[in-house]
Amino acid sequence: MVQETKSVKSWGKLFALMCASLLIVAACSSSSEEATDTGSTEDAGETAAAAVYTPLSEPPCDLSEKKIHFLSVLKGHPTLRLWQQGFLDQANALGFAEATIASPDEADWTKAIALGEGILATGTDGLVLGFVDPSQKDLIKRFGDAGIPAVIGHVQAAEGEYPGVIAYAAFSPAEWGAAAAEVIGEKMGGTGTAAITQGGFNAVEDGVAAAFTAKMNELYPDIKVLPAVEEGFDLPSSISKIVALLTANPDVTGAISTTGAGPVAWAGAVDETGRQVNMIGPDMTRPNMDAVRDGKILGLAAQPGYEEHQMAVDIVANAICGNAPAQFANDLPTPIILNDGLAPYYAVVDAIDARVESEE
């Protein structure tokens, strides 16, 4: 389990751009804690973010003595790194005294809950939940009972489903699935066969797949949409499954994957089969963008993970300052990005990579 603290008072934007990425390990709840200023990708990413969400430029009150925590799993996952950076950058912009990432490397909610227990014991002023799991319900309620505002990032939830949560900032799976269908169907010329692969069968990925199928049937009735196939999360295995799918269906010329590693898996399958497939998948990570840049897939759904967590920080900050959220549900758009729109997103990951290098 890893808990990292960032003091966010003093770094300028020039150095911030050189140092934006993952975090230096420190124990924020002990006398041996190491507090390190966080950098910011704010300038690098502002063009990419502008169309999705405009974060607060000034704190709603003095936050210079306040602490905020990000609690999640999968700390080192490239997608989660973007979320973490959105959290850190906005905490920096609003002048929080400390912004802390608390996350195990694995998808282990037991470990995440243990970290949350530690946060509750040592104290915080606000909590951002990257992902959320039903096993956290009791923990989150106790944050709420203590008067500590909690906001979910990236995942839609019903109001009251997680007592203690005051709002969520997420994306709409249905909107990006439908948008991808429009782009892919047009590229396919309205005919042929389209495939769907999912990391797993769950509410979020199922929602994307269902919306894709419905919109494709509506707009392009001459395109056959195959039932979804589970590609899984092991890259070599995922590539093999997609290769098998393409081999069994030689007429597939369009596809979506609903999981963040899907674009790389599909690019690998394209390399193995020599097929050209108009494929769209989620997440603006470097490997995914490289696959678009190199012409192996068509585009990416820019799930607003960075912006969701900026927004989550803003909602928490307002709550700390006595301002209730305007609404519980906050759904951000997920634009479809093709080759000509990659530049501002590369700026964000360039800054993240620069920071990793500076810490080595």
Protein backbone atom coordinates (compact mmCIF):
# COMPACT_ATOMS: atom_id res chain seq x y z
CA MET A 1 0.00 0.00 0.00
CA VAL A 2 1.26 3.42 -0.87
CA GLN A 3 0.29 6.79 0.49
CA GLU A 4 1.97 9.84 -0.97
CA THR A 5 1.78 13.41 0.21
CA LYS A 6 2.31 16.53 -1.86
CA SER A 7 2.61 19.95 -0.30
CA VAL A 8 1.06 22.21 -2.92
CA LYS A 9 2.04 25.74 -1.95
CA SER A 10 5.00 26.96 -3.90
CA TRP A 11 5.97 25.61 -7.33
CA GLY A 12 5.77 27.82 -10.41
CA LYS A 13 4.30 26.74 -13.70
CA LEU A 14 7.60 26.50 -15.60
CA PHE A 15 9.03 23.92 -13.24
CA ALA A 16 5.60 22.36 -12.94
CA LEU A 17 5.50 21.51 -16.62
CA MET A 18 8.86 19.80 -16.32
CA CYS A 19 7.78 17.78 -13.32
CA ALA A 20 4.21 16.66 -13.92
CA SER A 21 3.48 13.00 -13.28
CA LEU A 22 3.47 10.34 -10.63
CA LEU A 23 4.40 10.92 -7.09
CA ILE A 24 7.24 10.50 -4.59
CA VAL A 25 6.47 7.90 -1.95
CA ALA A 26 5.92 9.33 1.51
CA ALA A 27 3.98 8.40 4.61
CA CYS A 28 1.79 11.39 5.33
CA SER A 29 0.59 10.24 8.72
CA SER A 30 3.86 9.79 10.59
CA SER A 31 6.70 11.90 11.93
CA SER A 32 8.91 10.60 9.14
CA GLU A 33 6.61 11.86 6.37
CA GLU A 34 8.22 13.37 3.30
CA ALA A 35 6.32 16.34 1.87
CA THR A 36 7.20 17.25 -1.69
CA ASP A 37 5.76 20.03 -3.83
CA THR A 38 3.66 18.79 -6.71
CA GLY A 39 4.06 20.02 -10.24
CA SER A 40 1.24 20.87 -12.60
CA THR A 41 0.21 19.91 -16.10
CA GLU A 42 -2.25 22.78 -16.07
CA ASP A 43 -0.70 24.75 -18.93
CA ALA A 44 0.09 21.66 -21.00
CA GLY A 45 -3.40 20.31 -20.73
CA GLU A 46 -5.50 23.44 -20.80
CA THR A 47 -6.31 23.16 -24.50
CA ALA A 48 -7.37 19.55 -24.14
CA ALA A 49 -9.40 20.26 -21.04
CA ALA A 50 -11.03 23.50 -22.15
CA ALA A 51 -13.74 21.85 -24.23
CA VAL A 52 -14.65 19.49 -21.39
CA TYR A 53 -14.44 21.39 -18.11
CA THR A 54 -13.18 24.76 -16.95
CA PRO A 55 -11.84 24.35 -13.39
CA LEU A 56 -11.96 27.00 -10.70
CA SER A 57 -9.16 29.52 -11.16
CA GLU A 58 -9.42 30.84 -7.59
CA PRO A 59 -10.18 29.04 -4.33
CA PRO A 60 -13.68 29.63 -2.96
CA CYS A 61 -12.07 30.42 0.40
CA ASP A 62 -8.64 30.17 2.05
CA LEU A 63 -7.50 26.55 1.71
CA SER A 64 -3.88 27.10 2.68
CA GLU A 65 -4.28 25.06 5.87
CA LYS A 66 -6.53 22.37 4.42
CA LYS A 67 -5.71 18.80 3.37
CA ILE A 68 -7.32 16.77 0.60
CA HIS A 69 -6.89 13.07 -0.22
CA PHE A 70 -7.37 10.90 -3.32
CA LEU A 71 -8.31 7.30 -2.48
CA SER A 72 -8.36 4.59 -5.13
CA VAL A 73 -6.68 1.43 -6.43
CA LEU A 74 -4.31 0.66 -9.33
CA LYS A 75 -1.89 3.47 -8.50
CA GLY A 76 0.53 2.82 -11.37
CA HIS A 77 -2.04 2.27 -14.13
CA PRO A 78 -1.52 4.86 -16.92
CA THR A 79 -5.18 5.89 -16.86
CA LEU A 80 -5.15 6.31 -13.09
CA ARG A 81 -2.03 8.46 -13.40
CA LEU A 82 -4.03 10.94 -15.45
CA TRP A 83 -6.71 10.97 -12.76
CA GLN A 84 -4.16 11.51 -10.04
CA GLN A 85 -2.59 14.35 -11.94
CA GLY A 86 -5.91 16.10 -12.45
CA PHE A 87 -6.46 15.83 -8.70
CA LEU A 88 -2.99 17.14 -7.87
CA ASP A 89 -3.01 19.95 -10.41
CA GLN A 90 -6.31 21.35 -9.22
CA ALA A 91 -5.38 20.98 -5.55
CA ASN A 92 -2.25 22.96 -6.40
CA ALA A 93 -4.23 25.60 -8.26
CA LEU A 94 -6.56 26.10 -5.29
CA GLY A 95 -3.75 26.30 -2.74
CA PHE A 96 -4.38 23.26 -0.56
CA ALA A 97 -1.69 22.73 2.06
CA GLU A 98 -1.43 19.04 1.22
CA ALA A 99 -2.74 16.79 -1.53
CA THR A 100 -2.23 13.08 -0.92
CA ILE A 101 -2.55 10.04 -3.16
CA ALA A 102 -3.52 6.93 -1.18
CA SER A 103 -3.67 3.85 -3.38
CA PRO A 104 -2.41 0.28 -3.57
CA ASP A 105 -0.80 -0.79 -6.84
CA GLU A 106 -3.29 -3.63 -7.20
CA ALA A 107 -7.07 -3.60 -7.67
CA ASP A 108 -7.33 -4.52 -3.98
CA TRP A 109 -10.18 -2.75 -2.23
CA THR A 110 -9.25 -4.25 1.14
CA LYS A 111 -5.95 -2.40 0.96
CA ALA A 112 -7.66 0.77 -0.23
CA ILE A 113 -10.07 0.61 2.70
CA ALA A 114 -7.14 0.20 5.10
CA LEU A 115 -5.58 3.34 3.63
CA GLY A 116 -8.92 5.11 4.00
CA GLU A 117 -9.08 4.07 7.65
CA GLY A 118 -5.67 5.64 8.12
CA ILE A 119 -6.80 8.87 6.48
CA LEU A 120 -9.86 9.01 8.70
CA ALA A 121 -7.73 8.38 11.79
CA THR A 122 -5.08 11.01 11.01
CA GLY A 123 -7.42 13.57 9.56
CA THR A 124 -8.30 15.25 6.30
CA ASP A 125 -10.60 18.01 5.11
CA GLY A 126 -11.85 16.38 1.91
CA LEU A 127 -11.84 13.12 -0.02
CA VAL A 128 -11.87 12.33 -3.75
CA LEU A 129 -12.66 8.73 -4.65
CA GLY A 130 -11.10 7.53 -7.89
CA PHE A 131 -13.41 4.64 -8.68
CA VAL A 132 -15.62 3.42 -5.87
CA ASP A 133 -16.60 -0.02 -4.62
CA PRO A 134 -19.57 -1.19 -2.52
CA SER A 135 -17.13 -2.54 0.06
CA GLN A 136 -16.26 1.09 0.86
CA LYS A 137 -19.78 2.10 1.87
CA ASP A 138 -19.25 1.94 5.62
CA LEU A 139 -15.93 3.78 5.39
CA ILE A 140 -17.36 6.56 3.22
CA LYS A 141 -20.34 6.97 5.53
CA ARG A 142 -17.97 7.54 8.44
CA PHE A 143 -16.22 10.29 6.48
CA GLY A 144 -19.63 11.87 5.96
CA ASP A 145 -20.55 11.47 9.62
CA ALA A 146 -17.31 13.28 10.47
CA GLY A 147 -18.30 16.19 8.23
CA ILE A 148 -15.65 15.39 5.60
CA PRO A 149 -17.02 15.87 2.06
CA ALA A 150 -16.43 12.98 -0.34
CA VAL A 151 -16.82 13.11 -4.13
CA ILE A 152 -16.64 10.18 -6.56
CA GLY A 153 -14.58 10.56 -9.72
CA HIS A 154 -15.17 8.71 -13.01
CA VAL A 155 -18.08 6.54 -11.87
CA GLN A 156 -21.76 7.44 -12.00
CA ALA A 157 -23.68 6.62 -8.84
CA ALA A 158 -27.21 7.12 -7.60
CA GLU A 159 -27.72 9.76 -4.95
CA GLY A 160 -27.78 7.99 -1.59
CA GLU A 161 -26.10 4.87 -2.95
CA TYR A 162 -22.95 5.77 -1.02
CA PRO A 163 -23.96 7.68 2.12
CA GLY A 164 -21.41 10.42 2.74
CA VAL A 165 -20.83 11.12 -0.97
CA ILE A 166 -22.04 14.62 -1.87
CA ALA A 167 -21.59 14.40 -5.66
CA TYR A 168 -19.90 12.59 -8.51
CA ALA A 169 -17.91 13.88 -11.49
CA ALA A 170 -17.92 11.26 -14.23
CA PHE A 171 -18.45 10.55 -17.90
CA SER A 172 -21.47 9.08 -19.62
CA PRO A 173 -20.72 5.61 -21.02
CA ALA A 174 -23.80 5.84 -23.22
CA GLU A 175 -22.73 9.12 -24.79
CA TRP A 176 -19.30 7.93 -25.85
CA GLY A 177 -20.58 4.60 -27.13
CA ALA A 178 -23.11 6.39 -29.30
CA ALA A 179 -20.58 8.97 -30.51
CA ALA A 180 -18.14 6.22 -31.49
CA ALA A 181 -20.86 4.50 -33.50
CA GLU A 182 -21.49 7.65 -35.50
CA VAL A 183 -17.81 8.09 -36.37
CA ILE A 184 -17.09 4.43 -37.08
CA GLY A 185 -20.27 3.87 -39.08
CA GLU A 186 -19.51 6.80 -41.34
CA LYS A 187 -15.94 5.60 -41.84
CA MET A 188 -17.26 2.14 -42.74
CA GLY A 189 -19.49 3.69 -45.41
CA GLY A 190 -22.60 2.37 -43.73
CA THR A 191 -21.92 -1.28 -44.57
CA GLY A 192 -19.97 -4.23 -43.21
CA THR A 193 -19.56 -5.75 -39.76
CA ALA A 194 -18.54 -4.10 -36.51
CA ALA A 195 -17.09 -5.84 -33.46
CA ILE A 196 -17.15 -5.02 -29.74
CA THR A 197 -14.59 -6.15 -27.19
CA GLN A 198 -14.74 -5.50 -23.46
CA GLY A 199 -12.20 -5.82 -20.70
CA GLY A 200 -14.94 -7.43 -18.68
CA PHE A 201 -18.70 -7.47 -18.45
CA ASN A 202 -19.68 -4.75 -15.98
CA ALA A 203 -22.15 -1.88 -15.83
CA VAL A 204 -19.82 0.76 -17.30
CA GLU A 205 -18.47 -1.29 -20.20
CA ASP A 206 -21.85 -2.87 -20.86
CA GLY A 207 -23.32 0.64 -21.09
CA VAL A 208 -20.80 1.70 -23.72
CA ALA A 209 -21.39 -1.47 -25.74
CA ALA A 210 -25.18 -1.20 -25.59
CA ALA A 211 -25.15 2.45 -26.66
CA PHE A 212 -22.76 1.67 -29.52
CA THR A 213 -25.01 -1.13 -30.78
CA ALA A 214 -28.20 0.92 -30.46
CA LYS A 215 -26.80 3.95 -32.28
CA MET A 216 -25.24 1.82 -35.01
CA ASN A 217 -28.56 0.04 -35.57
CA GLU A 218 -30.34 3.38 -35.68
CA LEU A 219 -28.00 5.21 -38.07
CA TYR A 220 -26.47 2.38 -40.08
CA PRO A 221 -28.93 -0.53 -40.27
CA ASP A 222 -26.83 -2.22 -42.96
CA ILE A 223 -23.92 -2.64 -40.54
CA LYS A 224 -24.03 -5.89 -38.59
CA VAL A 225 -22.88 -5.49 -34.98
CA LEU A 226 -21.44 -8.66 -33.45
CA PRO A 227 -22.09 -9.64 -29.82
CA ALA A 228 -19.46 -8.34 -27.43
CA VAL A 229 -16.39 -10.49 -26.76
CA GLU A 230 -14.45 -10.35 -23.49
CA GLU A 231 -10.84 -9.44 -24.29
CA GLY A 232 -9.69 -9.41 -20.67
CA PHE A 233 -6.80 -7.43 -19.21
CA ASP A 234 -3.73 -9.49 -20.11
CA LEU A 235 -2.32 -7.90 -23.26
CA PRO A 236 -0.93 -11.00 -25.05
CA SER A 237 -4.13 -12.88 -24.31
CA SER A 238 -6.25 -9.91 -25.44
CA ILE A 239 -4.39 -9.68 -28.73
CA SER A 240 -4.87 -13.42 -29.32
CA LYS A 241 -8.61 -13.14 -28.68
CA ILE A 242 -8.96 -10.21 -31.08
CA VAL A 243 -6.91 -12.02 -33.73
CA ALA A 244 -9.26 -14.99 -33.36
CA LEU A 245 -12.26 -12.71 -33.67
CA LEU A 246 -10.88 -11.14 -36.86
CA THR A 247 -9.99 -14.53 -38.31
CA ALA A 248 -13.50 -15.83 -37.67
CA ASN A 249 -15.08 -12.67 -39.09
CA PRO A 250 -13.19 -11.55 -42.20
CA ASP A 251 -15.82 -8.88 -42.91
CA VAL A 252 -15.11 -6.88 -39.71
CA THR A 253 -13.99 -3.37 -40.68
CA GLY A 254 -15.10 -1.45 -37.60
CA ALA A 255 -14.81 -2.01 -33.85
CA ILE A 256 -14.80 -0.55 -30.39
CA SER A 257 -13.11 -1.69 -27.22
CA THR A 258 -14.61 -0.48 -23.97
CA THR A 259 -11.45 -0.84 -21.88
CA GLY A 260 -8.39 1.39 -21.61
CA ALA A 261 -5.93 -1.23 -22.88
CA GLY A 262 -8.15 -2.09 -25.82
CA PRO A 263 -6.57 0.32 -28.32
CA VAL A 264 -3.13 -1.24 -27.79
CA ALA A 265 -4.60 -4.75 -28.00
CA TRP A 266 -6.37 -3.94 -31.25
CA ALA A 267 -3.20 -2.34 -32.64
CA GLY A 268 -1.35 -5.56 -31.84
CA ALA A 269 -4.02 -7.60 -33.59
CA VAL A 270 -3.77 -5.31 -36.63
CA ASP A 271 -0.01 -5.94 -36.70
CA GLU A 272 -0.54 -9.71 -36.59
CA THR A 273 -3.33 -9.94 -39.15
CA GLY A 274 -2.50 -7.08 -41.49
CA ARG A 275 -6.16 -6.07 -41.34
CA GLN A 276 -7.32 -2.45 -41.40
CA VAL A 277 -10.05 -1.88 -38.83
CA ASN A 278 -11.75 1.42 -37.97
CA MET A 279 -11.41 0.96 -34.23
CA ILE A 280 -12.07 3.37 -31.35
CA GLY A 281 -11.30 2.75 -27.69
CA PRO A 282 -10.98 4.85 -24.53
CA ASP A 283 -8.26 6.78 -22.73
CA MET A 284 -5.65 9.29 -23.84
CA THR A 285 -2.57 7.37 -22.72
CA ARG A 286 0.63 7.52 -24.77
CA PRO A 287 0.46 3.93 -26.11
CA ASN A 288 -3.15 4.48 -27.17
CA MET A 289 -2.39 7.79 -28.85
CA ASP A 290 0.63 6.28 -30.59
CA ALA A 291 -1.67 3.63 -32.08
CA VAL A 292 -3.86 6.40 -33.54
CA ARG A 293 -0.85 8.42 -34.71
CA ASP A 294 0.58 5.37 -36.47
CA GLY A 295 -2.69 4.64 -38.25
CA LYS A 296 -3.31 1.30 -36.55
CA ILE A 297 -6.65 2.39 -35.08
CA LEU A 298 -9.05 5.18 -35.98
CA GLY A 299 -9.35 7.21 -32.80
CA LEU A 300 -9.91 7.43 -29.07
CA ALA A 301 -12.76 8.32 -26.77
CA ALA A 302 -11.20 10.99 -24.55
CA GLN A 303 -12.76 9.85 -21.30
CA PRO A 304 -12.29 12.96 -19.16
CA GLY A 305 -10.42 11.31 -16.31
CA TYR A 306 -8.11 14.29 -15.78
CA GLU A 307 -10.99 16.79 -15.87
CA GLU A 308 -13.29 14.64 -13.72
CA HIS A 309 -10.80 14.79 -10.92
CA GLN A 310 -10.23 18.51 -11.34
CA MET A 311 -13.98 18.90 -10.96
CA ALA A 312 -14.08 16.56 -7.97
CA VAL A 313 -11.46 18.72 -6.23
CA ASP A 314 -13.50 21.84 -7.01
CA ILE A 315 -16.66 20.32 -5.53
CA VAL A 316 -14.78 19.25 -2.40
CA ALA A 317 -13.17 22.69 -2.11
CA ASN A 318 -16.55 24.40 -2.35
CA ALA A 319 -17.97 22.07 0.29
CA ILE A 320 -15.07 22.80 2.64
CA CYS A 321 -15.84 26.48 2.14
CA GLY A 322 -19.50 25.98 3.00
CA ASN A 323 -20.91 25.85 -0.53
CA ALA A 324 -23.15 22.87 -1.26
CA PRO A 325 -22.81 21.30 -4.72
CA ALA A 326 -25.26 22.57 -7.33
CA GLN A 327 -26.25 19.01 -8.17
CA PHE A 328 -25.25 15.48 -7.28
CA ALA A 329 -24.72 14.20 -10.83
CA ASN A 330 -22.03 15.86 -12.93
CA ASP A 331 -21.51 14.16 -16.30
CA LEU A 332 -18.72 15.46 -18.53
CA PRO A 333 -18.52 14.92 -22.29
CA THR A 334 -16.26 12.34 -23.89
CA PRO A 335 -15.12 13.72 -27.26
CA ILE A 336 -13.95 11.35 -29.98
CA ILE A 337 -10.37 12.30 -30.90
CA LEU A 338 -8.84 11.41 -34.26
CA ASN A 339 -5.26 11.85 -35.43
CA ASP A 340 -5.53 15.59 -35.99
CA GLY A 341 -6.69 16.23 -32.40
CA LEU A 342 -3.95 14.43 -30.47
CA ALA A 343 -1.52 17.31 -29.86
CA PRO A 344 -2.97 18.80 -26.64
CA TYR A 345 -3.33 15.35 -25.11
CA TYR A 346 0.29 14.51 -25.95
CA ALA A 347 1.23 17.71 -24.09
CA VAL A 348 -0.30 16.30 -20.91
CA VAL A 349 1.45 12.92 -21.11
CA ASP A 350 4.74 14.57 -22.13
CA ALA A 351 4.63 16.56 -18.92
CA ILE A 352 3.79 13.47 -16.88
CA ASP A 353 6.69 11.54 -18.42
CA ALA A 354 9.07 14.44 -17.78
CA ARG A 355 8.27 14.28 -14.12
CA VAL A 356 8.86 10.54 -13.92
CA GLU A 357 12.29 11.06 -15.50
CA SER A 358 13.13 13.88 -13.09
CA GLU A 359 12.42 11.60 -10.12
CA GLU A 360 14.57 8.70 -11.34
